[in-house]
């Protein structure tokens, strides 16, 4: 049995979802989604989210106290984020 492969690139996210859902309906079609490599900015953002989740879990366990919003905003301003 011969297998034919197609590579489809769709730039529009809405149309991409439509094509993906359409192809999933065929039981003889296997879909392999290519994962994009993360940019440095994406990695930085994900690292920040991971750190925030870890801190939240530590807070839930009673191991740390979180700072209040006003002091957090002041810290962000001091570091040049706001």
C-alpha atoms as a PDB file:
ATOM      1  CA  UNK A   1       0.000   0.000   0.000  1.00  0.00           C
ATOM      2  CA  UNK A   2       1.370   3.356  -1.006  1.00  0.00           C
ATOM      3  CA  UNK A   3       0.979   6.386   1.162  1.00  0.00           C
ATOM      4  CA  UNK A   4       0.793   9.893  -0.246  1.00  0.00           C
ATOM      5  CA  UNK A   5       1.778  12.868   1.863  1.00  0.00           C
ATOM      6  CA  UNK A   6       0.600  16.433   1.505  1.00  0.00           C
ATOM      7  CA  UNK A   7       1.947  19.489   3.248  1.00  0.00           C
ATOM      8  CA  UNK A   8      -0.643  22.200   3.705  1.00  0.00           C
ATOM      9  CA  UNK A   9       0.238  25.649   4.985  1.00  0.00           C
ATOM     10  CA  UNK A  10      -2.662  27.894   5.926  1.00  0.00           C
ATOM     11  CA  UNK A  11      -1.960  31.388   7.226  1.00  0.00           C
ATOM     12  CA  UNK A  12      -5.497  32.273   8.326  1.00  0.00           C
ATOM     13  CA  UNK A  13      -6.176  30.709  11.755  1.00  0.00           C
ATOM     14  CA  UNK A  14      -9.947  30.410  11.218  1.00  0.00           C
ATOM     15  CA  UNK A  15      -9.512  28.691   7.861  1.00  0.00           C
ATOM     16  CA  UNK A  16      -6.761  26.525   9.312  1.00  0.00           C
ATOM     17  CA  UNK A  17      -9.133  25.207  12.000  1.00  0.00           C
ATOM     18  CA  UNK A  18     -11.780  24.540   9.348  1.00  0.00           C
ATOM     19  CA  UNK A  19      -9.397  22.530   7.159  1.00  0.00           C
ATOM     20  CA  UNK A  20      -8.035  20.654  10.182  1.00  0.00           C
ATOM     21  CA  UNK A  21     -11.550  19.717  11.363  1.00  0.00           C
ATOM     22  CA  UNK A  22     -12.560  18.716   7.846  1.00  0.00           C
ATOM     23  CA  UNK A  23      -9.576  16.405   7.389  1.00  0.00           C
ATOM     24  CA  UNK A  24     -10.165  14.814  10.799  1.00  0.00           C
ATOM     25  CA  UNK A  25     -13.520  13.539   9.520  1.00  0.00           C
ATOM     26  CA  UNK A  26     -11.842  11.129   7.120  1.00  0.00           C
ATOM     27  CA  UNK A  27     -10.857   7.927   8.896  1.00  0.00           C
ATOM     28  CA  UNK A  28      -8.140   7.214   6.321  1.00  0.00           C
ATOM     29  CA  UNK A  29      -6.369  10.552   6.867  1.00  0.00           C
ATOM     30  CA  UNK A  30      -3.671  10.872   9.521  1.00  0.00           C
ATOM     31  CA  UNK A  31      -2.805  14.410  10.526  1.00  0.00           C
ATOM     32  CA  UNK A  32       0.637  15.368  11.755  1.00  0.00           C
ATOM     33  CA  UNK A  33       0.850  18.935  12.958  1.00  0.00           C
ATOM     34  CA  UNK A  34       4.218  20.570  12.707  1.00  0.00           C
ATOM     35  CA  UNK A  35       5.110  22.436  15.860  1.00  0.00           C
ATOM     36  CA  UNK A  36       6.640  25.836  15.440  1.00  0.00           C
ATOM     37  CA  UNK A  37       9.938  26.495  17.140  1.00  0.00           C
ATOM     38  CA  UNK A  38       9.506  28.888  20.033  1.00  0.00           C
ATOM     39  CA  UNK A  39      11.064  32.300  19.692  1.00  0.00           C
ATOM     40  CA  UNK A  40      13.193  33.723  22.478  1.00  0.00           C
ATOM     41  CA  UNK A  41      10.287  35.990  23.426  1.00  0.00           C
ATOM     42  CA  UNK A  42       7.885  33.014  23.564  1.00  0.00           C
ATOM     43  CA  UNK A  43      10.322  31.118  25.789  1.00  0.00           C
ATOM     44  CA  UNK A  44      10.659  34.150  28.075  1.00  0.00           C
ATOM     45  CA  UNK A  45       6.885  34.479  28.382  1.00  0.00           C
ATOM     46  CA  UNK A  46       6.400  30.761  29.038  1.00  0.00           C
ATOM     47  CA  UNK A  47       9.146  30.862  31.653  1.00  0.00           C
ATOM     48  CA  UNK A  48       7.338  33.708  33.407  1.00  0.00           C
ATOM     49  CA  UNK A  49       4.064  31.804  33.336  1.00  0.00           C
ATOM     50  CA  UNK A  50       5.735  28.676  34.742  1.00  0.00           C
ATOM     51  CA  UNK A  51       7.264  30.733  37.539  1.00  0.00           C
ATOM     52  CA  UNK A  52       3.898  32.331  38.316  1.00  0.00           C
ATOM     53  CA  UNK A  53       2.178  28.931  38.478  1.00  0.00           C
ATOM     54  CA  UNK A  54       4.885  27.602  40.803  1.00  0.00           C
ATOM     55  CA  UNK A  55       4.467  30.622  43.089  1.00  0.00           C
ATOM     56  CA  UNK A  56       0.695  30.192  43.079  1.00  0.00           C
ATOM     57  CA  UNK A  57       1.061  26.523  44.051  1.00  0.00           C
ATOM     58  CA  UNK A  58       3.447  27.450  46.873  1.00  0.00           C
ATOM     59  CA  UNK A  59       0.940  30.056  48.060  1.00  0.00           C
ATOM     60  CA  UNK A  60      -1.876  27.482  48.005  1.00  0.00           C
ATOM     61  CA  UNK A  61       0.318  25.166  50.090  1.00  0.00           C
ATOM     62  CA  UNK A  62       0.883  27.966  52.588  1.00  0.00           C
ATOM     63  CA  UNK A  63       4.624  28.046  51.943  1.00  0.00           C
ATOM     64  CA  UNK A  64       4.850  31.656  50.724  1.00  0.00           C
ATOM     65  CA  UNK A  65       2.902  34.898  50.937  1.00  0.00           C
ATOM     66  CA  UNK A  66       2.131  36.835  47.785  1.00  0.00           C
ATOM     67  CA  UNK A  67       2.734  40.567  47.565  1.00  0.00           C
ATOM     68  CA  UNK A  68      -0.240  42.891  47.246  1.00  0.00           C
ATOM     69  CA  UNK A  69      -1.165  44.455  43.906  1.00  0.00           C
ATOM     70  CA  UNK A  70       0.077  47.949  44.772  1.00  0.00           C
ATOM     71  CA  UNK A  71       3.592  46.772  45.635  1.00  0.00           C
ATOM     72  CA  UNK A  72       3.655  44.520  42.563  1.00  0.00           C
ATOM     73  CA  UNK A  73       2.718  47.450  40.314  1.00  0.00           C
ATOM     74  CA  UNK A  74       5.402  49.571  41.978  1.00  0.00           C
ATOM     75  CA  UNK A  75       7.936  46.811  41.301  1.00  0.00           C
ATOM     76  CA  UNK A  76       6.906  46.610  37.637  1.00  0.00           C
ATOM     77  CA  UNK A  77       7.262  50.387  37.307  1.00  0.00           C
ATOM     78  CA  UNK A  78      10.694  50.319  38.952  1.00  0.00           C
ATOM     79  CA  UNK A  79      11.835  47.640  36.511  1.00  0.00           C
ATOM     80  CA  UNK A  80      10.538  49.627  33.537  1.00  0.00           C
ATOM     81  CA  UNK A  81       7.673  47.348  32.551  1.00  0.00           C
ATOM     82  CA  UNK A  82       5.006  49.995  33.137  1.00  0.00           C
END
